[in-house]
Amino acid sequence: MGIRKGFNRIGEFLGILDNKKYDALTEVGKFCKQKMDEYVAVDTGYLRSRNTFKVTKFFHQKLTLLNDAPYAGFQEFGTEKMKAHPFIRPATENHIAEIQEIMRRAYSDI
């Protein structure tokens, strides 16, 4: 009976961790979207308006930063005739310490 109760508590704990991870990834997504908005080149504002993120909740939770403007990839990586103007990669690469702090805060009350 004691073992069974322990398994129930482990399951409860894993559920709490799952929820914490989802919340933490959502906060990181909001932060990174804000940084994407700051880094993106603005002409008409369309490219910036297409910045978003998605957190998958099932199986392996993960954060995906997105921009579905047809020319977002050309801006991010450039072309043979146009210099790159990255805005997605710098939103994470230039802010590792802040992202780590968001994750730290999310798990601090466990």
Protein backbone atom coordinates (compact mmCIF):
# COMPACT_ATOMS: atom_id res chain seq x y z
CA MET A 1 0.00 0.00 0.00
CA GLY A 2 2.89 2.37 0.78
CA ILE A 3 4.46 1.75 -2.63
CA ARG A 4 1.24 2.49 -4.44
CA LYS A 5 0.83 5.75 -2.57
CA GLY A 6 4.42 6.66 -3.51
CA PHE A 7 3.67 6.09 -7.18
CA ASN A 8 0.64 8.34 -6.95
CA ARG A 9 2.81 11.09 -5.43
CA ILE A 10 5.45 10.63 -8.14
CA GLY A 11 2.75 10.95 -10.78
CA GLU A 12 1.46 14.07 -9.10
CA PHE A 13 4.98 15.51 -8.95
CA LEU A 14 5.60 14.72 -12.64
CA GLY A 15 2.33 16.46 -13.48
CA ILE A 16 3.47 19.54 -11.56
CA LEU A 17 6.80 19.49 -13.42
CA ASP A 18 4.96 19.18 -16.74
CA ASN A 19 2.81 22.21 -15.93
CA LYS A 20 5.84 24.20 -14.75
CA LYS A 21 7.67 23.40 -17.96
CA TYR A 22 4.70 24.49 -20.08
CA ASP A 23 4.38 27.74 -18.12
CA ALA A 24 8.13 28.37 -18.32
CA LEU A 25 8.24 27.76 -22.07
CA THR A 26 5.26 30.08 -22.52
CA GLU A 27 7.07 32.85 -20.60
CA VAL A 28 10.23 32.30 -22.65
CA GLY A 29 8.09 32.42 -25.81
CA LYS A 30 6.58 35.78 -24.79
CA PHE A 31 10.05 37.12 -24.02
CA CYS A 32 11.52 35.89 -27.32
CA LYS A 33 8.57 37.22 -29.32
CA GLN A 34 9.16 40.65 -27.78
CA LYS A 35 12.84 40.44 -28.74
CA MET A 36 11.92 39.30 -32.26
CA ASP A 37 9.72 42.38 -32.55
CA GLU A 38 12.68 44.55 -31.52
CA TYR A 39 15.14 42.93 -33.96
CA VAL A 40 12.92 42.63 -37.02
CA ALA A 41 13.40 45.08 -39.89
CA VAL A 42 10.26 47.21 -40.20
CA ASP A 43 9.06 48.64 -43.47
CA THR A 44 5.30 48.13 -43.49
CA GLY A 45 5.07 46.29 -40.17
CA TYR A 46 3.71 43.11 -41.77
CA LEU A 47 6.79 41.03 -40.95
CA ARG A 48 6.67 42.08 -37.29
CA SER A 49 2.93 41.36 -37.12
CA ARG A 50 3.62 37.73 -38.12
CA ASN A 51 6.02 37.03 -35.20
CA THR A 52 4.61 34.46 -32.82
CA PHE A 53 5.48 31.34 -30.88
CA LYS A 54 3.96 27.96 -30.12
CA VAL A 55 4.44 25.65 -27.16
CA THR A 56 3.52 22.03 -27.76
CA LYS A 57 1.84 20.49 -24.73
CA PHE A 58 1.89 16.82 -25.70
CA PHE A 59 4.72 14.31 -25.59
CA HIS A 60 7.97 16.30 -25.59
CA GLN A 61 7.09 19.87 -24.79
CA LYS A 62 8.98 22.38 -26.89
CA LEU A 63 8.94 26.03 -27.82
CA THR A 64 8.92 27.05 -31.47
CA LEU A 65 9.44 30.65 -32.58
CA LEU A 66 7.56 31.35 -35.79
CA ASN A 67 7.06 33.92 -38.51
CA ASP A 68 4.82 32.83 -41.38
CA ALA A 69 5.36 35.83 -43.64
CA PRO A 70 6.30 34.50 -47.09
CA TYR A 71 9.60 36.39 -47.05
CA ALA A 72 10.60 35.80 -43.41
CA GLY A 73 13.24 33.23 -44.37
CA PHE A 74 14.83 35.65 -46.83
CA GLN A 75 15.04 38.28 -44.10
CA GLU A 76 16.44 35.83 -41.55
CA PHE A 77 19.03 34.16 -43.78
CA GLY A 78 19.45 36.52 -46.73
CA THR A 79 19.78 35.60 -50.38
CA GLU A 80 22.61 35.76 -52.86
CA LYS A 81 21.50 39.33 -53.65
CA MET A 82 20.34 40.49 -50.22
CA LYS A 83 22.15 40.63 -46.91
CA ALA A 84 20.51 38.74 -44.03
CA HIS A 85 18.60 40.71 -41.39
CA PRO A 86 18.18 38.04 -38.71
CA PHE A 87 15.55 38.59 -36.06
CA ILE A 88 14.58 35.12 -34.83
CA ARG A 89 18.01 33.71 -33.99
CA PRO A 90 19.23 36.84 -32.16
CA ALA A 91 16.06 36.79 -30.04
CA THR A 92 17.45 33.68 -28.36
CA GLU A 93 21.19 33.72 -28.99
CA ASN A 94 21.69 37.24 -27.60
CA HIS A 95 19.56 36.62 -24.51
CA ILE A 96 20.64 33.28 -23.07
CA ALA A 97 21.13 34.68 -19.55
CA GLU A 98 17.64 36.22 -19.48
CA ILE A 99 16.06 33.01 -20.79
CA GLN A 100 17.89 30.97 -18.15
CA GLU A 101 16.62 33.35 -15.47
CA ILE A 102 13.02 32.95 -16.69
CA MET A 103 13.42 29.17 -16.45
CA ARG A 104 15.04 29.43 -13.01
CA ARG A 105 12.16 31.56 -11.69
CA ALA A 106 9.59 29.16 -13.11
CA TYR A 107 11.00 26.23 -11.14
CA SER A 108 12.01 28.14 -8.00
CA ASP A 109 8.89 27.33 -5.97
CA ILE A 110 9.00 23.54 -6.33
